[in-house]
């Protein structure tokens, strides 16, 4: 006898459930991304309004925000800054710029800028800075920056001042890193600074040392009272930093140009005339003159005056380096021990 009872059809819910769930997740993620995009746009508008209130007008030509699904990319066809806060107008302009952040890494922002940078500065000065590649990164905890890094390949700068010869600088590479120092007291507001250049050529330094070979420079320092620069690097910030007793503690400076080598450490600050002042202890090798003054003769003469201490080996210096008397910056003048060097007086920074 044949069973003619109808057979129950199996439910197809579990067959389609993964696709339905995937569609729901995609819709939810799309909504989340557009919410983040809106918040980024609002944050940019707020920052631009705050900058305008401080006398700095930023312009992002053809601004767009894209990067779906996993990134947020802010693009500008060109980036311009105009500031009239300190009298003479200052204007900077670059090529296309990109700032991007990963949705899954909200504490990191990466910036890429296409050169050149052209700047019109006070007193008719003009700065042209070109590079092959520029990339910067910012790490923050939501409240304040924790680390900033900048890497530039083949930078080439020219500063033109009316009535004077152009000043230039170029290098194969430049790296700058800043991070909050976690070991210093909070009252110090200390930020560590590291600068490294390869293949650097600075004619003004070449004339000072009497050599034109490309050189490498490695600088490590700590900047105190860094909160003074929270809203930018400008004359107001420099004055706040000076008034707060800010200092640059130069932990290490190593400069190598061909056979010439300089190692230095010291302390720098701004005096009441807004000039750099302080004292640096330096050691050198392979250098015959400084600003046209023969090193051997100076050290010999100072050795007699200082009881032979001028040529002693400096503590911590590499073997073969000769210690110089302290290099003192005072009232815009540069002194090597008691001897004033025949160099142009230092100008006020602001």
Protein backbone atom coordinates (compact mmCIF):
# COMPACT_ATOMS: atom_id res chain seq x y z
CA UNK A 1 0.00 0.00 0.00
CA UNK A 2 1.44 3.35 -1.05
CA UNK A 3 1.76 6.25 1.47
CA UNK A 4 0.15 9.23 -0.25
CA UNK A 5 0.67 11.71 2.65
CA UNK A 6 2.30 15.02 1.52
CA UNK A 7 6.01 15.47 2.34
CA UNK A 8 6.91 18.58 4.47
CA UNK A 9 9.13 20.99 2.59
CA UNK A 10 12.36 21.86 4.40
CA UNK A 11 12.70 25.51 5.37
CA UNK A 12 15.18 27.52 3.33
CA UNK A 13 15.74 30.14 6.08
CA UNK A 14 19.26 28.94 6.95
CA UNK A 15 20.14 28.92 3.27
CA UNK A 16 19.46 32.64 2.90
CA UNK A 17 20.26 33.77 6.45
CA UNK A 18 24.03 34.40 5.86
CA UNK A 19 23.26 36.61 2.86
CA UNK A 20 20.61 38.54 4.77
CA UNK A 21 22.98 39.00 7.70
CA UNK A 22 25.77 40.15 5.36
CA UNK A 23 23.43 42.69 3.75
CA UNK A 24 22.41 44.01 7.18
CA UNK A 25 26.05 44.31 8.25
CA UNK A 26 26.94 46.12 5.02
CA UNK A 27 24.06 48.56 5.53
CA UNK A 28 25.04 49.14 9.16
CA UNK A 29 28.71 49.67 8.22
CA UNK A 30 27.73 52.09 5.46
CA UNK A 31 25.66 54.07 7.92
CA UNK A 32 28.51 54.05 10.46
CA UNK A 33 31.02 55.25 7.82
CA UNK A 34 28.79 58.13 6.78
CA UNK A 35 28.36 59.13 10.43
CA UNK A 36 32.16 59.18 10.82
CA UNK A 37 32.47 61.13 7.58
CA UNK A 38 30.02 63.72 8.88
CA UNK A 39 31.91 64.04 12.16
CA UNK A 40 35.19 64.53 10.31
CA UNK A 41 33.64 67.26 8.14
CA UNK A 42 32.26 68.99 11.26
CA UNK A 43 35.63 68.73 13.02
CA UNK A 44 37.40 70.25 10.00
CA UNK A 45 34.90 73.12 9.82
CA UNK A 46 35.29 73.77 13.55
CA UNK A 47 39.09 73.77 13.27
CA UNK A 48 39.00 76.18 10.31
CA UNK A 49 36.67 78.53 12.22
CA UNK A 50 38.96 78.42 15.27
CA UNK A 51 41.98 79.18 13.10
CA UNK A 52 40.16 82.09 11.46
CA UNK A 53 39.47 83.49 14.93
CA UNK A 54 43.21 83.36 15.59
CA UNK A 55 43.97 85.34 12.43
CA UNK A 56 44.90 82.35 10.28
CA UNK A 57 42.76 81.68 7.22
CA UNK A 58 43.07 78.20 5.68
CA UNK A 59 41.76 77.30 2.25
CA UNK A 60 41.32 73.72 1.01
CA UNK A 61 40.55 73.94 -2.70
CA UNK A 62 38.05 71.34 -4.00
CA UNK A 63 37.77 69.67 -0.60
CA UNK A 64 36.42 66.13 -0.66
CA UNK A 65 36.00 63.33 1.88
CA UNK A 66 36.11 59.74 0.62
CA UNK A 67 37.74 56.40 1.45
CA UNK A 68 34.75 54.09 1.96
CA UNK A 69 34.66 51.46 3.37
CA UNK A 70 37.64 51.30 5.73
CA UNK A 71 39.29 54.74 5.50
CA UNK A 72 38.39 58.39 5.74
CA UNK A 73 40.38 60.49 3.27
CA UNK A 74 40.32 64.29 3.28
CA UNK A 75 41.70 65.67 0.00
CA UNK A 76 42.56 69.19 -1.11
CA UNK A 77 43.57 70.13 -4.65
CA UNK A 78 45.80 72.73 -2.99
CA UNK A 79 46.27 73.98 0.55
CA UNK A 80 46.67 77.68 1.38
CA UNK A 81 47.29 79.61 4.57
CA UNK A 82 47.05 83.38 4.94
CA UNK A 83 47.87 85.06 8.23
CA UNK A 84 47.72 88.76 9.11
CA UNK A 85 47.87 88.37 12.87
CA UNK A 86 51.37 89.81 13.26
CA UNK A 87 51.26 92.77 10.87
CA UNK A 88 52.72 91.85 7.48
CA UNK A 89 50.69 89.18 5.71
CA UNK A 90 52.18 85.69 5.56
CA UNK A 91 50.92 83.40 2.81
CA UNK A 92 51.78 79.75 2.21
CA UNK A 93 50.61 77.50 -0.59
CA UNK A 94 51.25 73.84 -1.41
CA UNK A 95 50.12 71.37 -4.04
CA UNK A 96 47.57 68.57 -3.53
CA UNK A 97 47.25 67.34 0.06
CA UNK A 98 45.78 64.19 1.61
CA UNK A 99 44.96 63.40 5.25
CA UNK A 100 43.73 59.89 5.96
CA UNK A 101 42.74 57.77 8.93
CA UNK A 102 41.81 54.11 9.23
CA UNK A 103 38.40 53.35 10.72
CA UNK A 104 39.95 50.55 12.79
CA UNK A 105 42.85 52.77 13.96
CA UNK A 106 41.23 56.07 15.03
CA UNK A 107 44.27 57.32 16.95
CA UNK A 108 46.48 57.63 13.86
CA UNK A 109 46.33 60.23 11.08
CA UNK A 110 48.65 60.16 8.04
CA UNK A 111 49.26 63.25 5.89
CA UNK A 112 50.78 63.37 2.41
CA UNK A 113 51.55 66.71 0.75
CA UNK A 114 52.73 67.35 -2.81
CA UNK A 115 55.18 70.20 -3.26
CA UNK A 116 56.34 72.73 -3.78
CA UNK A 117 55.58 74.96 -0.82
CA UNK A 118 55.74 78.64 -1.68
CA UNK A 119 55.63 81.25 1.09
CA UNK A 120 55.49 85.03 1.10
CA UNK A 121 57.04 86.18 4.38
CA UNK A 122 57.35 89.53 6.17
CA UNK A 123 59.81 92.12 4.86
CA UNK A 124 59.40 90.90 1.30
CA UNK A 125 61.10 87.56 1.87
CA UNK A 126 60.07 84.53 -0.16
CA UNK A 127 60.60 80.85 0.61
CA UNK A 128 60.45 78.06 -1.96
CA UNK A 129 60.60 74.52 -0.62
CA UNK A 130 60.39 71.50 -2.91
CA UNK A 131 60.63 67.78 -2.19
CA UNK A 132 60.23 64.42 -3.88
CA UNK A 133 57.98 62.99 -1.15
CA UNK A 134 56.57 64.30 2.12
CA UNK A 135 54.66 62.17 4.59
CA UNK A 136 53.70 62.99 8.17
CA UNK A 137 51.87 61.06 10.87
CA UNK A 138 50.06 62.11 14.04
CA UNK A 139 49.30 59.79 16.94
CA UNK A 140 46.80 61.08 19.47
CA UNK A 141 44.67 59.81 22.34
CA UNK A 142 41.63 61.89 21.44
CA UNK A 143 42.56 64.76 23.74
CA UNK A 144 46.10 65.69 22.75
CA UNK A 145 48.83 64.65 20.28
CA UNK A 146 51.23 62.02 21.60
CA UNK A 147 53.69 61.75 18.72
CA UNK A 148 54.29 63.58 15.45
CA UNK A 149 56.63 62.36 12.70
CA UNK A 150 57.63 63.87 9.36
CA UNK A 151 59.70 62.24 6.62
CA UNK A 152 60.82 64.22 3.57
CA UNK A 153 62.97 62.99 0.69
CA UNK A 154 65.15 65.32 -1.39
CA UNK A 155 64.10 68.59 0.27
CA UNK A 156 65.42 71.70 -1.47
CA UNK A 157 64.81 75.17 -0.01
CA UNK A 158 65.63 78.69 -1.21
CA UNK A 159 65.08 81.82 0.87
CA UNK A 160 65.10 85.11 -1.06
CA UNK A 161 65.53 88.38 0.85
CA UNK A 162 65.39 91.74 -0.96
CA UNK A 163 68.85 93.25 -1.32
CA UNK A 164 70.64 90.08 -0.24
CA UNK A 165 71.96 86.96 -1.90
CA UNK A 166 69.61 83.97 -1.84
CA UNK A 167 70.16 81.42 0.90
CA UNK A 168 69.76 77.73 0.10
CA UNK A 169 69.62 74.31 1.71
CA UNK A 170 69.14 70.84 0.33
CA UNK A 171 69.46 67.28 1.56
CA UNK A 172 68.90 63.70 0.48
CA UNK A 173 66.43 63.14 3.32
CA UNK A 174 65.02 64.74 6.45
CA UNK A 175 63.24 63.11 9.39
CA UNK A 176 61.64 64.91 12.34
CA UNK A 177 60.05 63.14 15.32
CA UNK A 178 58.36 64.63 18.37
CA UNK A 179 56.82 62.76 21.30
CA UNK A 180 55.71 63.58 24.80
CA UNK A 181 58.33 62.61 27.37
CA UNK A 182 56.65 60.18 29.79
CA UNK A 183 59.41 60.32 32.43
CA UNK A 184 59.55 64.06 33.15
CA UNK A 185 57.27 65.84 35.67
CA UNK A 186 54.03 67.14 34.20
CA UNK A 187 55.05 70.69 35.14
CA UNK A 188 57.96 70.48 32.66
CA UNK A 189 55.58 69.88 29.72
CA UNK A 190 58.53 68.12 28.11
CA UNK A 191 58.57 66.93 24.51
CA UNK A 192 61.42 64.93 23.03
CA UNK A 193 62.68 66.02 19.61
CA UNK A 194 64.77 64.04 17.12
CA UNK A 195 66.00 65.43 13.79
CA UNK A 196 68.07 63.52 11.26
CA UNK A 197 69.29 64.67 7.85
CA UNK A 198 71.36 62.83 5.26
CA UNK A 199 73.37 64.48 2.48
CA UNK A 200 72.72 67.98 3.81
CA UNK A 201 74.26 70.98 2.04
CA UNK A 202 73.97 74.40 3.71
CA UNK A 203 76.25 77.02 2.12
CA UNK A 204 76.19 79.21 5.24
CA UNK A 205 77.55 76.31 7.30
CA UNK A 206 80.05 75.44 4.57
CA UNK A 207 81.46 78.96 4.78
CA UNK A 208 81.61 78.73 8.56
CA UNK A 209 83.51 75.43 8.57
CA UNK A 210 85.47 75.89 5.35
CA UNK A 211 84.16 72.72 3.65
CA UNK A 212 81.54 72.17 0.94
CA UNK A 213 81.03 68.40 1.30
CA UNK A 214 77.53 67.10 1.98
CA UNK A 215 76.99 66.11 5.57
CA UNK A 216 74.80 64.15 7.95
CA UNK A 217 73.27 65.66 11.08
CA UNK A 218 71.70 63.85 14.04
CA UNK A 219 70.03 65.93 16.76
CA UNK A 220 68.32 64.77 19.95
CA UNK A 221 66.85 67.29 22.36
CA UNK A 222 64.06 67.93 24.85
CA UNK A 223 61.77 70.95 24.62
CA UNK A 224 60.21 72.11 27.89
CA UNK A 225 56.98 74.11 28.29
CA UNK A 226 55.81 72.68 24.98
CA UNK A 227 52.14 73.53 25.67
CA UNK A 228 53.01 77.09 24.57
CA UNK A 229 52.92 75.77 20.98
CA UNK A 230 49.56 74.02 21.34
CA UNK A 231 47.88 76.42 18.91
CA UNK A 232 50.74 76.71 16.45
CA UNK A 233 54.28 77.95 15.97
CA UNK A 234 54.12 81.74 15.78
CA UNK A 235 55.39 84.87 17.57
CA UNK A 236 52.66 84.66 20.23
CA UNK A 237 53.59 81.06 20.96
CA UNK A 238 57.31 81.89 21.10
CA UNK A 239 56.62 84.69 23.58
CA UNK A 240 54.48 82.41 25.76
CA UNK A 241 57.27 79.83 25.66
CA UNK A 242 59.92 82.39 26.61
CA UNK A 243 57.82 83.83 29.42
CA UNK A 244 57.16 80.34 30.81
CA UNK A 245 60.90 79.66 31.00
CA UNK A 246 60.96 77.24 28.10
CA UNK A 247 64.31 75.71 27.15
CA UNK A 248 65.81 73.40 24.57
CA UNK A 249 67.98 70.84 26.29
CA UNK A 250 70.35 69.71 23.55
CA UNK A 251 71.21 66.16 24.51
CA UNK A 252 73.13 65.21 21.40
CA UNK A 253 74.23 66.87 18.19
CA UNK A 254 76.47 65.00 15.77
CA UNK A 255 77.42 66.58 12.44
CA UNK A 256 79.67 64.78 9.95
CA UNK A 257 80.89 66.49 6.75
CA UNK A 258 83.63 64.54 5.01
CA UNK A 259 86.57 64.41 7.46
CA UNK A 260 84.95 67.06 9.67
CA UNK A 261 83.01 65.91 12.72
CA UNK A 262 81.31 67.93 15.44
CA UNK A 263 79.66 66.65 18.60
CA UNK A 264 77.83 69.00 20.93
CA UNK A 265 75.38 69.32 23.81
CA UNK A 266 74.06 72.28 25.72
CA UNK A 267 71.14 74.49 26.66
CA UNK A 268 69.32 77.07 24.48
CA UNK A 269 66.56 79.57 25.21
CA UNK A 270 65.24 82.98 24.14
CA UNK A 271 66.43 86.16 25.85
CA UNK A 272 64.46 89.36 26.44
CA UNK A 273 65.42 90.66 23.00
CA UNK A 274 63.87 87.49 21.45
CA UNK A 275 67.26 86.20 20.30
CA UNK A 276 68.57 82.68 20.80
CA UNK A 277 70.94 82.54 23.75
CA UNK A 278 72.59 79.84 25.83
CA UNK A 279 75.72 77.77 25.95
CA UNK A 280 76.90 74.76 23.97
CA UNK A 281 79.83 72.48 24.71
CA UNK A 282 81.31 71.15 21.47
CA UNK A 283 84.11 68.85 20.37
CA UNK A 284 85.46 68.56 16.85
CA UNK A 285 87.89 66.85 14.54
CA UNK A 286 89.03 67.45 10.95
CA UNK A 287 88.13 71.16 11.00
CA UNK A 288 90.84 73.71 10.28
CA UNK A 289 88.86 76.90 10.72
CA UNK A 290 85.63 78.33 12.11
CA UNK A 291 84.39 81.53 10.46
CA UNK A 292 87.85 82.04 8.98
CA UNK A 293 89.56 81.76 12.37
CA UNK A 294 92.22 78.98 12.44
CA UNK A 295 91.16 76.43 15.04
CA UNK A 296 94.70 75.39 15.91
CA UNK A 297 95.80 78.93 16.69
CA UNK A 298 92.70 79.65 18.74
CA UNK A 299 93.01 76.45 20.74
CA UNK A 300 96.70 77.04 21.29
CA UNK A 301 96.10 80.58 22.53
CA UNK A 302 93.16 79.58 24.68
CA UNK A 303 95.10 76.63 26.01
CA UNK A 304 97.61 79.03 27.47
CA UNK A 305 94.91 81.25 28.91
CA UNK A 306 92.90 78.35 30.32
CA UNK A 307 95.75 76.21 31.57
CA UNK A 308 95.65 73.68 28.74
CA UNK A 309 91.98 72.86 29.19
CA UNK A 310 90.98 74.04 25.72
CA UNK A 311 92.38 70.95 24.02
CA UNK A 312 91.33 68.37 26.60
CA UNK A 313 89.20 65.38 25.64
CA UNK A 314 85.55 66.19 26.40
CA UNK A 315 83.71 63.70 28.65
CA UNK A 316 81.63 61.31 26.53
CA UNK A 317 83.07 62.55 23.22
CA UNK A 318 84.18 60.09 20.57
CA UNK A 319 87.93 59.28 20.51
CA UNK A 320 90.00 61.73 18.48
CA UNK A 321 87.76 64.74 19.10
CA UNK A 322 89.16 67.91 20.60
CA UNK A 323 87.00 69.85 23.03
CA UNK A 324 86.39 73.51 22.28
CA UNK A 325 85.86 76.18 24.91
CA UNK A 326 82.15 76.76 25.52
CA UNK A 327 80.28 78.30 22.59
CA UNK A 328 78.20 81.09 24.15
CA UNK A 329 75.30 82.91 22.51
CA UNK A 330 74.73 86.21 24.27
CA UNK A 331 72.91 89.37 23.14
CA UNK A 332 72.96 88.16 19.55
CA UNK A 333 76.72 87.58 19.53
CA UNK A 334 78.59 84.29 19.26
CA UNK A 335 81.61 83.68 21.49
CA UNK A 336 84.14 80.87 21.52
CA UNK A 337 85.36 81.05 25.09
CA UNK A 338 86.30 84.72 25.57
CA UNK A 339 86.72 85.30 21.79
CA UNK A 340 83.87 86.84 19.84
CA UNK A 341 83.56 85.14 16.45
CA UNK A 342 83.37 87.38 13.35
CA UNK A 343 79.88 86.25 12.29
CA UNK A 344 76.73 88.26 11.64
CA UNK A 345 74.77 89.06 14.81
CA UNK A 346 71.82 86.79 15.47
CA UNK A 347 68.51 88.42 14.55
CA UNK A 348 65.44 88.40 16.83
CA UNK A 349 63.11 85.52 15.96
CA UNK A 350 60.06 87.77 16.23
